[in-house]
């Protein structure tokens, strides 16, 4: 998923650092990029198998927990002084 936001003139944003998690069960990427006044957010989730065996549920839960932590991050938008 990718989405973009254009900042109004005279505003700036503090962006969190990217997160790239790769576990045995899958991977997760969450990153912000700023070009001019446009902020682009990219989020990717990938599982390495179509199904998850019961004995790997703990790995899946760990990946979901990392995603939840990353999704709670915020960007701060404020006027330029």
Protein backbone atom coordinates (compact mmCIF):
# COMPACT_ATOMS: atom_id res chain seq x y z
CA UNK A 1 0.00 0.00 0.00
CA UNK A 2 1.26 3.45 -0.82
CA UNK A 3 -0.36 6.77 -0.06
CA UNK A 4 0.77 10.37 -0.41
CA UNK A 5 0.06 13.62 1.40
CA UNK A 6 0.93 17.09 0.15
CA UNK A 7 1.88 19.52 2.88
CA UNK A 8 0.47 23.03 2.68
CA UNK A 9 2.96 25.83 2.06
CA UNK A 10 5.03 26.84 5.10
CA UNK A 11 4.55 23.51 6.90
CA UNK A 12 7.10 20.81 7.62
CA UNK A 13 6.94 17.23 8.85
CA UNK A 14 9.05 15.13 11.18
CA UNK A 15 9.08 11.60 9.80
CA UNK A 16 9.83 8.41 11.74
CA UNK A 17 12.67 6.19 10.52
CA UNK A 18 11.88 3.26 8.22
CA UNK A 19 11.15 -0.16 9.65
CA UNK A 20 12.18 -3.32 7.84
CA UNK A 21 11.49 -6.58 9.67
CA UNK A 22 12.31 -9.95 8.19
CA UNK A 23 11.39 -13.03 10.21
CA UNK A 24 11.30 -16.70 9.26
CA UNK A 25 7.57 -16.49 8.47
CA UNK A 26 7.52 -13.25 6.44
CA UNK A 27 8.55 -9.63 6.17
CA UNK A 28 7.17 -6.19 6.85
CA UNK A 29 8.30 -2.79 5.56
CA UNK A 30 6.99 0.60 6.67
CA UNK A 31 8.66 3.76 5.41
CA UNK A 32 8.04 7.45 4.87
CA UNK A 33 9.72 9.53 2.19
CA UNK A 34 9.57 13.29 1.65
CA UNK A 35 10.16 14.94 -1.71
CA UNK A 36 9.49 18.66 -1.66
CA UNK A 37 6.12 19.08 0.04
CA UNK A 38 4.91 15.54 -0.73
CA UNK A 39 5.14 12.80 1.91
CA UNK A 40 4.75 9.24 0.65
CA UNK A 41 4.05 6.34 2.99
CA UNK A 42 4.73 2.79 1.84
CA UNK A 43 3.70 -0.33 3.74
CA UNK A 44 4.38 -3.87 2.52
CA UNK A 45 3.60 -7.19 4.15
CA UNK A 46 4.67 -10.53 2.73
CA UNK A 47 4.32 -14.07 3.97
CA UNK A 48 6.70 -16.70 2.62
CA UNK A 49 4.07 -19.48 2.54
CA UNK A 50 0.39 -19.70 1.63
CA UNK A 51 -0.48 -21.41 4.89
CA UNK A 52 1.06 -21.29 8.34
CA UNK A 53 1.49 -24.54 10.25
CA UNK A 54 0.30 -24.55 13.85
CA UNK A 55 3.87 -24.81 15.15
CA UNK A 56 4.70 -21.49 13.39
CA UNK A 57 1.83 -19.46 14.88
CA UNK A 58 4.25 -17.89 17.37
CA UNK A 59 6.35 -16.55 14.47
CA UNK A 60 3.23 -15.15 12.82
CA UNK A 61 2.15 -13.50 16.08
CA UNK A 62 5.63 -11.95 16.41
CA UNK A 63 5.37 -10.48 12.90
CA UNK A 64 1.90 -9.09 13.64
CA UNK A 65 3.19 -7.56 16.91
CA UNK A 66 6.01 -5.78 15.04
CA UNK A 67 3.47 -4.51 12.49
CA UNK A 68 1.22 -3.21 15.26
CA UNK A 69 4.12 -1.31 16.85
CA UNK A 70 5.13 0.20 13.52
CA UNK A 71 1.56 1.19 12.66
CA UNK A 72 1.28 3.16 15.90
CA UNK A 73 4.00 5.60 14.81
CA UNK A 74 3.01 9.16 13.93
CA UNK A 75 4.29 11.96 11.79
CA UNK A 76 4.32 15.44 13.25
CA UNK A 77 3.27 18.29 10.99
CA UNK A 78 3.96 21.84 12.13
CA UNK A 79 4.28 25.30 10.68
CA UNK A 80 7.71 26.56 9.75
CA UNK A 81 8.72 29.35 12.08
